[in-house]
Amino acid sequence: MKRLIISLALALSVLAASVFEVVYVSGKSDGYAKRINNIDHLISDGNSDEAIAECKKLEADWESGSRKTYTLLSHDAVDSIGFCVSRMSAFLAKGSYQMYFAESTSAKKGLASIKGSEYPLIENIL
């Protein structure tokens, strides 16, 4: 009986950790994508100085937050999004808005990809 209880407790703790990971990664991905969309709108509205400042904040937040996500996700996925965010800041600083929007789109696709990869679907499990 004790083994059954211990097995159930372990299974529940694994399930809880899995749910936490999905919720955490999904929330972070949505938050970063929302911030990128806000920067996109700032550029479209002509507020380039504010967009540059927000993009620098986003880059700093990504760098500090990526340490936590390294333990949960593939390093390649996290690094590629980080590179996109860094290039976004560089392109904004240079005034190259077309290149910024290309990197912005790439970063948003990367965020959607890591979010989608955490859902318990058959293609993610196999």
N, C-alpha and C. Protein backbone atom coordinates (compact mmCIF):
# COMPACT_ATOMS: atom_id res chain seq x y z
N MET A 1 0.82 -1.20 0.00
CA MET A 1 0.00 0.00 0.00
C MET A 1 0.86 1.26 0.00
N LYS A 2 1.98 1.19 0.78
CA LYS A 2 2.87 2.34 0.83
C LYS A 2 3.48 2.63 -0.54
N ARG A 3 3.80 1.58 -1.27
CA ARG A 3 4.38 1.77 -2.61
C ARG A 3 3.38 2.44 -3.54
N LEU A 4 2.14 2.07 -3.44
CA LEU A 4 1.10 2.68 -4.27
C LEU A 4 0.96 4.17 -3.95
N ILE A 5 0.96 4.50 -2.69
CA ILE A 5 0.84 5.90 -2.27
C ILE A 5 2.06 6.70 -2.73
N ILE A 6 3.24 6.12 -2.59
CA ILE A 6 4.47 6.80 -3.03
C ILE A 6 4.45 6.97 -4.55
N SER A 7 4.00 5.97 -5.28
CA SER A 7 3.91 6.05 -6.74
C SER A 7 2.93 7.13 -7.17
N LEU A 8 1.79 7.19 -6.52
CA LEU A 8 0.81 8.22 -6.84
C LEU A 8 1.33 9.62 -6.52
N ALA A 9 2.03 9.74 -5.39
CA ALA A 9 2.61 11.03 -5.02
C ALA A 9 3.65 11.48 -6.04
N LEU A 10 4.47 10.58 -6.49
CA LEU A 10 5.48 10.90 -7.51
C LEU A 10 4.82 11.27 -8.83
N ALA A 11 3.80 10.52 -9.21
CA ALA A 11 3.10 10.82 -10.46
C ALA A 11 2.42 12.19 -10.40
N LEU A 12 1.82 12.51 -9.26
CA LEU A 12 1.19 13.82 -9.10
C LEU A 12 2.21 14.95 -9.11
N SER A 13 3.38 14.72 -8.51
CA SER A 13 4.39 15.77 -8.52
C SER A 13 4.97 15.98 -9.92
N VAL A 14 5.11 14.91 -10.69
CA VAL A 14 5.56 15.05 -12.08
C VAL A 14 4.50 15.79 -12.90
N LEU A 15 3.25 15.46 -12.71
CA LEU A 15 2.16 16.14 -13.41
C LEU A 15 2.12 17.62 -13.04
N ALA A 16 2.26 17.93 -11.77
CA ALA A 16 2.26 19.33 -11.32
C ALA A 16 3.44 20.10 -11.92
N ALA A 17 4.61 19.49 -11.95
CA ALA A 17 5.77 20.15 -12.55
C ALA A 17 5.57 20.38 -14.04
N SER A 18 4.94 19.43 -14.71
CA SER A 18 4.67 19.58 -16.15
C SER A 18 3.69 20.72 -16.42
N VAL A 19 2.65 20.77 -15.62
CA VAL A 19 1.67 21.85 -15.77
C VAL A 19 2.32 23.20 -15.49
N PHE A 20 3.15 23.26 -14.46
CA PHE A 20 3.85 24.51 -14.15
C PHE A 20 4.73 24.95 -15.32
N GLU A 21 5.45 24.00 -15.92
CA GLU A 21 6.33 24.34 -17.04
C GLU A 21 5.53 24.88 -18.22
N VAL A 22 4.42 24.23 -18.55
CA VAL A 22 3.60 24.68 -19.68
C VAL A 22 3.05 26.08 -19.41
N VAL A 23 2.54 26.29 -18.21
CA VAL A 23 1.97 27.60 -17.86
C VAL A 23 3.05 28.67 -17.86
N TYR A 24 4.21 28.37 -17.29
CA TYR A 24 5.31 29.33 -17.21
C TYR A 24 5.81 29.72 -18.60
N VAL A 25 6.10 28.73 -19.44
CA VAL A 25 6.62 29.00 -20.78
C VAL A 25 5.58 29.71 -21.63
N SER A 26 4.34 29.29 -21.53
CA SER A 26 3.27 29.92 -22.29
C SER A 26 3.09 31.39 -21.88
N GLY A 27 3.08 31.65 -20.59
CA GLY A 27 2.93 33.02 -20.11
C GLY A 27 4.09 33.91 -20.50
N LYS A 28 5.31 33.40 -20.37
CA LYS A 28 6.48 34.18 -20.76
C LYS A 28 6.49 34.46 -22.25
N SER A 29 6.17 33.45 -23.05
CA SER A 29 6.15 33.63 -24.51
C SER A 29 5.12 34.67 -24.92
N ASP A 30 3.93 34.58 -24.33
CA ASP A 30 2.88 35.55 -24.65
C ASP A 30 3.29 36.96 -24.23
N GLY A 31 3.92 37.07 -23.06
CA GLY A 31 4.36 38.37 -22.57
C GLY A 31 5.39 39.02 -23.47
N TYR A 32 6.38 38.24 -23.89
CA TYR A 32 7.41 38.78 -24.78
C TYR A 32 6.82 39.13 -26.15
N ALA A 33 5.94 38.29 -26.67
CA ALA A 33 5.32 38.57 -27.96
C ALA A 33 4.48 39.85 -27.89
N LYS A 34 3.79 40.05 -26.78
CA LYS A 34 3.00 41.26 -26.59
C LYS A 34 3.89 42.50 -26.56
N ARG A 35 5.02 42.38 -25.89
CA ARG A 35 5.96 43.51 -25.82
C ARG A 35 6.54 43.82 -27.19
N ILE A 36 6.83 42.80 -27.99
CA ILE A 36 7.33 43.03 -29.34
C ILE A 36 6.26 43.70 -30.19
N ASN A 37 5.02 43.25 -30.05
CA ASN A 37 3.93 43.91 -30.78
C ASN A 37 3.78 45.37 -30.38
N ASN A 38 3.95 45.67 -29.09
CA ASN A 38 3.88 47.06 -28.65
C ASN A 38 4.99 47.90 -29.27
N ILE A 39 6.19 47.33 -29.36
CA ILE A 39 7.30 48.05 -30.00
C ILE A 39 7.00 48.26 -31.48
N ASP A 40 6.43 47.23 -32.12
CA ASP A 40 6.04 47.37 -33.53
C ASP A 40 5.07 48.53 -33.72
N HIS A 41 4.10 48.64 -32.82
CA HIS A 41 3.12 49.73 -32.92
C HIS A 41 3.76 51.08 -32.65
N LEU A 42 4.71 51.13 -31.74
CA LEU A 42 5.41 52.39 -31.48
C LEU A 42 6.16 52.86 -32.73
N ILE A 43 6.79 51.93 -33.41
CA ILE A 43 7.51 52.29 -34.64
C ILE A 43 6.52 52.74 -35.71
N SER A 44 5.43 52.02 -35.84
CA SER A 44 4.42 52.39 -36.84
C SER A 44 3.82 53.76 -36.57
N ASP A 45 3.74 54.12 -35.28
CA ASP A 45 3.20 55.43 -34.91
C ASP A 45 4.24 56.54 -34.97
N GLY A 46 5.49 56.19 -35.25
CA GLY A 46 6.55 57.19 -35.37
C GLY A 46 7.27 57.53 -34.08
N ASN A 47 7.06 56.74 -33.03
CA ASN A 47 7.73 56.97 -31.74
C ASN A 47 9.00 56.14 -31.67
N SER A 48 9.98 56.46 -32.50
CA SER A 48 11.16 55.61 -32.59
C SER A 48 12.02 55.67 -31.32
N ASP A 49 12.10 56.83 -30.67
CA ASP A 49 12.91 56.92 -29.45
C ASP A 49 12.33 56.05 -28.34
N GLU A 50 11.03 56.10 -28.20
CA GLU A 50 10.38 55.26 -27.19
C GLU A 50 10.50 53.77 -27.56
N ALA A 51 10.42 53.48 -28.85
CA ALA A 51 10.57 52.09 -29.31
C ALA A 51 11.97 51.57 -29.02
N ILE A 52 12.97 52.40 -29.22
CA ILE A 52 14.35 51.99 -28.93
C ILE A 52 14.51 51.70 -27.45
N ALA A 53 13.96 52.57 -26.61
CA ALA A 53 14.06 52.37 -25.16
C ALA A 53 13.34 51.08 -24.74
N GLU A 54 12.17 50.84 -25.28
CA GLU A 54 11.42 49.62 -24.95
C GLU A 54 12.14 48.38 -25.45
N CYS A 55 12.75 48.48 -26.61
CA CYS A 55 13.48 47.33 -27.16
C CYS A 55 14.71 47.02 -26.31
N LYS A 56 15.37 48.04 -25.81
CA LYS A 56 16.52 47.83 -24.91
C LYS A 56 16.07 47.15 -23.61
N LYS A 57 14.91 47.58 -23.09
CA LYS A 57 14.36 46.93 -21.90
C LYS A 57 14.02 45.47 -22.17
N LEU A 58 13.42 45.24 -23.32
CA LEU A 58 13.08 43.88 -23.72
C LEU A 58 14.33 43.02 -23.81
N GLU A 59 15.37 43.56 -24.40
CA GLU A 59 16.62 42.81 -24.54
C GLU A 59 17.21 42.48 -23.17
N ALA A 60 17.21 43.45 -22.26
CA ALA A 60 17.73 43.21 -20.91
C ALA A 60 16.88 42.18 -20.17
N ASP A 61 15.57 42.29 -20.30
CA ASP A 61 14.68 41.32 -19.65
C ASP A 61 14.86 39.93 -20.22
N TRP A 62 15.05 39.84 -21.53
CA TRP A 62 15.27 38.54 -22.15
C TRP A 62 16.56 37.92 -21.64
N GLU A 63 17.61 38.72 -21.55
CA GLU A 63 18.89 38.19 -21.07
C GLU A 63 18.79 37.67 -19.64
N SER A 64 18.10 38.41 -18.78
CA SER A 64 17.97 37.95 -17.40
C SER A 64 16.99 36.79 -17.28
N GLY A 65 15.93 36.80 -18.06
CA GLY A 65 14.93 35.74 -17.99
C GLY A 65 15.33 34.47 -18.71
N SER A 66 16.24 34.58 -19.67
CA SER A 66 16.61 33.39 -20.44
C SER A 66 17.37 32.37 -19.60
N ARG A 67 17.99 32.83 -18.53
CA ARG A 67 18.70 31.88 -17.66
C ARG A 67 17.73 30.87 -17.05
N LYS A 68 16.53 31.34 -16.72
CA LYS A 68 15.53 30.44 -16.15
C LYS A 68 14.96 29.50 -17.20
N THR A 69 14.76 30.03 -18.41
CA THR A 69 14.16 29.20 -19.45
C THR A 69 15.14 28.19 -20.03
N TYR A 70 16.45 28.41 -19.84
CA TYR A 70 17.43 27.42 -20.30
C TYR A 70 17.19 26.07 -19.64
N THR A 71 16.76 26.09 -18.41
CA THR A 71 16.54 24.81 -17.72
C THR A 71 15.31 24.08 -18.24
N LEU A 72 14.40 24.81 -18.87
CA LEU A 72 13.15 24.22 -19.33
C LEU A 72 13.12 23.91 -20.82
N LEU A 73 13.88 24.68 -21.62
CA LEU A 73 13.76 24.59 -23.07
C LEU A 73 15.09 24.29 -23.73
N SER A 74 15.02 24.03 -25.01
CA SER A 74 16.21 23.81 -25.82
C SER A 74 17.04 25.10 -25.88
N HIS A 75 18.33 24.97 -25.67
CA HIS A 75 19.21 26.13 -25.69
C HIS A 75 19.22 26.80 -27.06
N ASP A 76 19.11 26.02 -28.12
CA ASP A 76 19.13 26.59 -29.47
C ASP A 76 17.94 27.51 -29.69
N ALA A 77 16.76 27.10 -29.24
CA ALA A 77 15.57 27.91 -29.41
C ALA A 77 15.67 29.21 -28.62
N VAL A 78 16.14 29.11 -27.40
CA VAL A 78 16.26 30.30 -26.55
C VAL A 78 17.32 31.24 -27.11
N ASP A 79 18.43 30.68 -27.57
CA ASP A 79 19.50 31.51 -28.13
C ASP A 79 19.07 32.21 -29.41
N SER A 80 18.34 31.50 -30.28
CA SER A 80 17.93 32.12 -31.55
C SER A 80 16.98 33.28 -31.31
N ILE A 81 16.11 33.15 -30.33
CA ILE A 81 15.21 34.27 -30.01
C ILE A 81 16.02 35.42 -29.41
N GLY A 82 16.98 35.10 -28.57
CA GLY A 82 17.84 36.12 -27.99
C GLY A 82 18.61 36.89 -29.05
N PHE A 83 19.10 36.16 -30.06
CA PHE A 83 19.81 36.83 -31.15
C PHE A 83 18.88 37.75 -31.93
N CYS A 84 17.65 37.30 -32.15
CA CYS A 84 16.67 38.14 -32.85
C CYS A 84 16.40 39.42 -32.08
N VAL A 85 16.23 39.30 -30.77
CA VAL A 85 15.96 40.48 -29.94
C VAL A 85 17.15 41.43 -29.96
N SER A 86 18.36 40.89 -29.92
CA SER A 86 19.56 41.74 -29.99
C SER A 86 19.65 42.46 -31.33
N ARG A 87 19.37 41.73 -32.40
CA ARG A 87 19.41 42.36 -33.73
C ARG A 87 18.29 43.39 -33.88
N MET A 88 17.15 43.13 -33.24
CA MET A 88 16.07 44.12 -33.29
C MET A 88 16.54 45.45 -32.71
N SER A 89 17.21 45.41 -31.57
CA SER A 89 17.73 46.62 -30.94
C SER A 89 18.75 47.31 -31.83
N ALA A 90 19.64 46.53 -32.42
CA ALA A 90 20.67 47.11 -33.29
C ALA A 90 20.05 47.77 -34.52
N PHE A 91 19.08 47.12 -35.12
CA PHE A 91 18.44 47.69 -36.31
C PHE A 91 17.65 48.95 -35.97
N LEU A 92 17.02 48.96 -34.81
CA LEU A 92 16.30 50.16 -34.39
C LEU A 92 17.26 51.32 -34.18
N ALA A 93 18.37 51.04 -33.54
CA ALA A 93 19.36 52.09 -33.28
C ALA A 93 19.91 52.68 -34.57
N LYS A 94 20.02 51.84 -35.61
CA LYS A 94 20.51 52.31 -36.91
C LYS A 94 19.41 52.94 -37.76
N GLY A 95 18.18 52.78 -37.35
CA GLY A 95 17.06 53.32 -38.13
C GLY A 95 16.64 52.44 -39.28
N SER A 96 17.05 51.19 -39.26
CA SER A 96 16.71 50.24 -40.31
C SER A 96 15.43 49.49 -39.91
N TYR A 97 14.32 50.13 -40.19
CA TYR A 97 13.05 49.61 -39.71
C TYR A 97 12.60 48.35 -40.45
N GLN A 98 12.93 48.23 -41.72
CA GLN A 98 12.55 47.02 -42.45
C GLN A 98 13.26 45.79 -41.88
N MET A 99 14.52 45.95 -41.57
CA MET A 99 15.26 44.84 -40.98
C MET A 99 14.75 44.55 -39.57
N TYR A 100 14.37 45.61 -38.85
CA TYR A 100 13.80 45.41 -37.52
C TYR A 100 12.54 44.54 -37.62
N PHE A 101 11.64 44.89 -38.55
CA PHE A 101 10.39 44.14 -38.66
C PHE A 101 10.64 42.69 -39.09
N ALA A 102 11.69 42.45 -39.88
CA ALA A 102 12.03 41.07 -40.24
C ALA A 102 12.46 40.29 -39.00
N GLU A 103 13.29 40.90 -38.17
CA GLU A 103 13.72 40.23 -36.94
C GLU A 103 12.57 40.10 -35.94
N SER A 104 11.71 41.10 -35.90
CA SER A 104 10.54 41.07 -35.02
C SER A 104 9.64 39.88 -35.37
N THR A 105 9.41 39.70 -36.64
CA THR A 105 8.59 38.58 -37.10
C THR A 105 9.25 37.25 -36.76
N SER A 106 10.56 37.19 -36.95
CA SER A 106 11.29 35.97 -36.63
C SER A 106 11.23 35.66 -35.13
N ALA A 107 11.37 36.68 -34.30
CA ALA A 107 11.31 36.49 -32.85
C ALA A 107 9.92 36.02 -32.42
N LYS A 108 8.88 36.61 -33.00
CA LYS A 108 7.52 36.20 -32.65
C LYS A 108 7.24 34.77 -33.09
N LYS A 109 7.78 34.37 -34.25
CA LYS A 109 7.61 32.99 -34.69
C LYS A 109 8.35 32.03 -33.76
N GLY A 110 9.54 32.43 -33.32
CA GLY A 110 10.29 31.60 -32.39
C GLY A 110 9.58 31.44 -31.06
N LEU A 111 9.00 32.54 -30.58
CA LEU A 111 8.24 32.49 -29.32
C LEU A 111 7.01 31.59 -29.45
N ALA A 112 6.32 31.69 -30.59
CA ALA A 112 5.16 30.83 -30.82
C ALA A 112 5.59 29.37 -30.92
N SER A 113 6.75 29.14 -31.50
CA SER A 113 7.25 27.77 -31.65
C SER A 113 7.58 27.14 -30.29
N ILE A 114 8.27 27.89 -29.42
CA ILE A 114 8.59 27.29 -28.12
C ILE A 114 7.34 27.12 -27.27
N LYS A 115 6.40 28.02 -27.45
CA LYS A 115 5.14 27.88 -26.72
C LYS A 115 4.40 26.62 -27.20
N GLY A 116 4.33 26.45 -28.50
CA GLY A 116 3.64 25.28 -29.06
C GLY A 116 4.33 23.97 -28.76
N SER A 117 5.63 24.02 -28.59
CA SER A 117 6.38 22.78 -28.33
C SER A 117 6.17 22.25 -26.92
N GLU A 118 5.60 23.06 -26.04
CA GLU A 118 5.40 22.64 -24.65
C GLU A 118 4.04 22.00 -24.41
N TYR A 119 3.12 22.11 -25.35
CA TYR A 119 1.80 21.52 -25.16
C TYR A 119 1.87 19.99 -25.25
N PRO A 120 1.09 19.30 -24.44
CA PRO A 120 1.15 17.83 -24.44
C PRO A 120 0.39 17.23 -25.62
N LEU A 121 0.95 17.41 -26.80
CA LEU A 121 0.36 16.86 -28.02
C LEU A 121 1.19 15.67 -28.48
N ILE A 122 0.59 14.80 -29.26
CA ILE A 122 1.27 13.59 -29.72
C ILE A 122 2.56 13.94 -30.46
N GLU A 123 2.53 14.92 -31.37
CA GLU A 123 3.73 15.25 -32.13
C GLU A 123 4.86 15.81 -31.26
N ASN A 124 4.52 16.38 -30.10
CA ASN A 124 5.55 16.87 -29.19
C ASN A 124 6.10 15.75 -28.31
N ILE A 125 5.33 14.75 -28.10
CA ILE A 125 5.76 13.65 -27.23
C ILE A 125 6.62 12.66 -28.00
N LEU A 126 6.23 12.40 -29.25
CA LEU A 126 6.97 11.39 -30.05
C LEU A 126 8.19 11.96 -30.69
